[in-house]
Amino acid sequence: MAEKRTKADRLERQTEQLGKRVDRQPDEFENEPSTLAPKSDEPTVLIPIERQIQQRAYELYEQRGRADGHELDDWLQAECEIKGTQANAAAA
């Protein structure tokens, strides 16, 4: 019959696994290529304006403390911000 693991055994194993992750040195991170910036040979993916507005409206909703009843206000505010940003970029 298999031996039942206790909570202490699980915590010890998790601690060991976390220790293995933490053992990496800072210069090990610097040598790894960044996954945030696109590679030069990859096309840049543009996010549709409606999606950008949706994301910004949700940020505003969260900043308000997730209070309901302001969906339209959040959407219109986000729309002004996103379209204003694009207009400024186009004028530059």
C-alpha atoms as a PDB file:
ATOM      1  CA  MET A   1       0.000   0.000   0.000  1.00  0.00           C
ATOM      2  CA  ALA A   2       1.271   3.473  -0.865  1.00  0.00           C
ATOM      3  CA  GLU A   3       2.457   5.645   1.975  1.00  0.00           C
ATOM      4  CA  LYS A   4       0.162   8.592   2.654  1.00  0.00           C
ATOM      5  CA  ARG A   5       1.928  11.920   2.433  1.00  0.00           C
ATOM      6  CA  THR A   6       1.409  14.347   5.243  1.00  0.00           C
ATOM      7  CA  LYS A   7       0.963  18.070   4.936  1.00  0.00           C
ATOM      8  CA  ALA A   8       4.491  18.548   6.293  1.00  0.00           C
ATOM      9  CA  ASP A   9       5.872  16.286   3.526  1.00  0.00           C
ATOM     10  CA  ARG A  10       4.088  18.301   0.844  1.00  0.00           C
ATOM     11  CA  LEU A  11       5.303  21.600   2.288  1.00  0.00           C
ATOM     12  CA  GLU A  12       8.869  20.303   2.467  1.00  0.00           C
ATOM     13  CA  ARG A  13       8.744  19.183  -1.175  1.00  0.00           C
ATOM     14  CA  GLN A  14       7.272  22.534  -2.277  1.00  0.00           C
ATOM     15  CA  THR A  15       9.974  24.394  -0.346  1.00  0.00           C
ATOM     16  CA  GLU A  16      12.674  22.345  -2.084  1.00  0.00           C
ATOM     17  CA  GLN A  17      11.157  23.076  -5.496  1.00  0.00           C
ATOM     18  CA  LEU A  18      10.959  26.801  -4.745  1.00  0.00           C
ATOM     19  CA  GLY A  19      14.559  26.748  -3.548  1.00  0.00           C
ATOM     20  CA  LYS A  20      15.651  25.355  -6.893  1.00  0.00           C
ATOM     21  CA  ARG A  21      13.979  28.269  -8.667  1.00  0.00           C
ATOM     22  CA  VAL A  22      15.494  30.876  -6.351  1.00  0.00           C
ATOM     23  CA  ASP A  23      19.036  29.513  -6.732  1.00  0.00           C
ATOM     24  CA  ARG A  24      19.444  31.220 -10.102  1.00  0.00           C
ATOM     25  CA  GLN A  25      21.836  34.157 -10.189  1.00  0.00           C
ATOM     26  CA  PRO A  26      20.842  37.563 -11.659  1.00  0.00           C
ATOM     27  CA  ASP A  27      23.290  37.245 -14.566  1.00  0.00           C
ATOM     28  CA  GLU A  28      21.514  34.032 -15.594  1.00  0.00           C
ATOM     29  CA  PHE A  29      18.379  36.096 -16.205  1.00  0.00           C
ATOM     30  CA  GLU A  30      20.252  38.729 -18.236  1.00  0.00           C
ATOM     31  CA  ASN A  31      21.657  36.119 -20.625  1.00  0.00           C
ATOM     32  CA  GLU A  32      18.210  34.857 -21.549  1.00  0.00           C
ATOM     33  CA  PRO A  33      16.520  36.579 -24.498  1.00  0.00           C
ATOM     34  CA  SER A  34      13.620  38.817 -23.646  1.00  0.00           C
ATOM     35  CA  THR A  35      10.222  37.430 -24.543  1.00  0.00           C
ATOM     36  CA  LEU A  36       8.511  40.803 -24.307  1.00  0.00           C
ATOM     37  CA  ALA A  37       9.918  42.480 -27.401  1.00  0.00           C
ATOM     38  CA  PRO A  38       9.094  40.968 -30.780  1.00  0.00           C
ATOM     39  CA  LYS A  39      11.971  39.615 -32.836  1.00  0.00           C
ATOM     40  CA  SER A  40      12.962  41.784 -35.758  1.00  0.00           C
ATOM     41  CA  ASP A  41      11.839  39.189 -38.312  1.00  0.00           C
ATOM     42  CA  GLU A  42       8.410  38.764 -36.699  1.00  0.00           C
ATOM     43  CA  PRO A  43       5.577  41.072 -37.766  1.00  0.00           C
ATOM     44  CA  THR A  44       4.186  43.402 -35.126  1.00  0.00           C
ATOM     45  CA  VAL A  45       0.666  42.455 -34.097  1.00  0.00           C
ATOM     46  CA  LEU A  46      -1.657  45.408 -33.780  1.00  0.00           C
ATOM     47  CA  ILE A  47      -4.465  45.217 -31.268  1.00  0.00           C
ATOM     48  CA  PRO A  48      -7.790  46.328 -32.748  1.00  0.00           C
ATOM     49  CA  ILE A  49      -8.996  49.650 -31.358  1.00  0.00           C
ATOM     50  CA  GLU A  50     -12.145  48.116 -29.902  1.00  0.00           C
ATOM     51  CA  ARG A  51     -10.035  45.634 -27.918  1.00  0.00           C
ATOM     52  CA  GLN A  52      -7.803  48.447 -26.639  1.00  0.00           C
ATOM     53  CA  ILE A  53     -10.851  50.390 -25.496  1.00  0.00           C
ATOM     54  CA  GLN A  54     -12.279  47.295 -23.831  1.00  0.00           C
ATOM     55  CA  GLN A  55      -9.035  46.696 -21.926  1.00  0.00           C
ATOM     56  CA  ARG A  56      -8.800  50.322 -20.802  1.00  0.00           C
ATOM     57  CA  ALA A  57     -12.467  50.391 -19.753  1.00  0.00           C
ATOM     58  CA  TYR A  58     -11.848  47.324 -17.616  1.00  0.00           C
ATOM     59  CA  GLU A  59      -8.814  49.019 -16.020  1.00  0.00           C
ATOM     60  CA  LEU A  60     -11.011  52.006 -15.152  1.00  0.00           C
ATOM     61  CA  TYR A  61     -13.632  49.649 -13.699  1.00  0.00           C
ATOM     62  CA  GLU A  62     -10.986  48.030 -11.491  1.00  0.00           C
ATOM     63  CA  GLN A  63      -9.602  51.414 -10.412  1.00  0.00           C
ATOM     64  CA  ARG A  64     -13.109  52.381  -9.310  1.00  0.00           C
ATOM     65  CA  GLY A  65     -13.145  49.335  -7.033  1.00  0.00           C
ATOM     66  CA  ARG A  66     -15.254  47.243  -9.409  1.00  0.00           C
ATOM     67  CA  ALA A  67     -18.326  49.331  -8.667  1.00  0.00           C
ATOM     68  CA  ASP A  68     -21.161  48.450 -11.034  1.00  0.00           C
ATOM     69  CA  GLY A  69     -23.284  50.973 -12.894  1.00  0.00           C
ATOM     70  CA  HIS A  70     -20.533  52.944 -14.653  1.00  0.00           C
ATOM     71  CA  GLU A  71     -20.002  50.763 -17.734  1.00  0.00           C
ATOM     72  CA  LEU A  72     -20.889  53.470 -20.231  1.00  0.00           C
ATOM     73  CA  ASP A  73     -18.789  56.090 -18.424  1.00  0.00           C
ATOM     74  CA  ASP A  74     -15.796  53.737 -18.365  1.00  0.00           C
ATOM     75  CA  TRP A  75     -16.227  52.882 -22.049  1.00  0.00           C
ATOM     76  CA  LEU A  76     -16.518  56.521 -23.143  1.00  0.00           C
ATOM     77  CA  GLN A  77     -13.549  57.573 -21.020  1.00  0.00           C
ATOM     78  CA  ALA A  78     -11.443  54.725 -22.430  1.00  0.00           C
ATOM     79  CA  GLU A  79     -12.548  55.598 -25.967  1.00  0.00           C
ATOM     80  CA  CYS A  80     -11.461  59.230 -25.509  1.00  0.00           C
ATOM     81  CA  GLU A  81      -8.095  58.174 -24.088  1.00  0.00           C
ATOM     82  CA  ILE A  82      -7.342  55.588 -26.790  1.00  0.00           C
ATOM     83  CA  LYS A  83      -8.527  57.694 -29.728  1.00  0.00           C
ATOM     84  CA  GLY A  84      -6.728  60.744 -28.291  1.00  0.00           C
ATOM     85  CA  THR A  85      -3.517  58.740 -28.028  1.00  0.00           C
ATOM     86  CA  GLN A  86      -3.848  57.584 -31.634  1.00  0.00           C
ATOM     87  CA  ALA A  87      -4.603  61.096 -32.854  1.00  0.00           C
ATOM     88  CA  ASN A  88      -1.509  62.426 -31.066  1.00  0.00           C
ATOM     89  CA  ALA A  89       0.625  59.660 -32.573  1.00  0.00           C
ATOM     90  CA  ALA A  90      -0.720  60.387 -36.061  1.00  0.00           C
ATOM     91  CA  ALA A  91      -0.009  64.114 -35.702  1.00  0.00           C
ATOM     92  CA  ALA A  92       3.598  63.499 -34.651  1.00  0.00           C
END
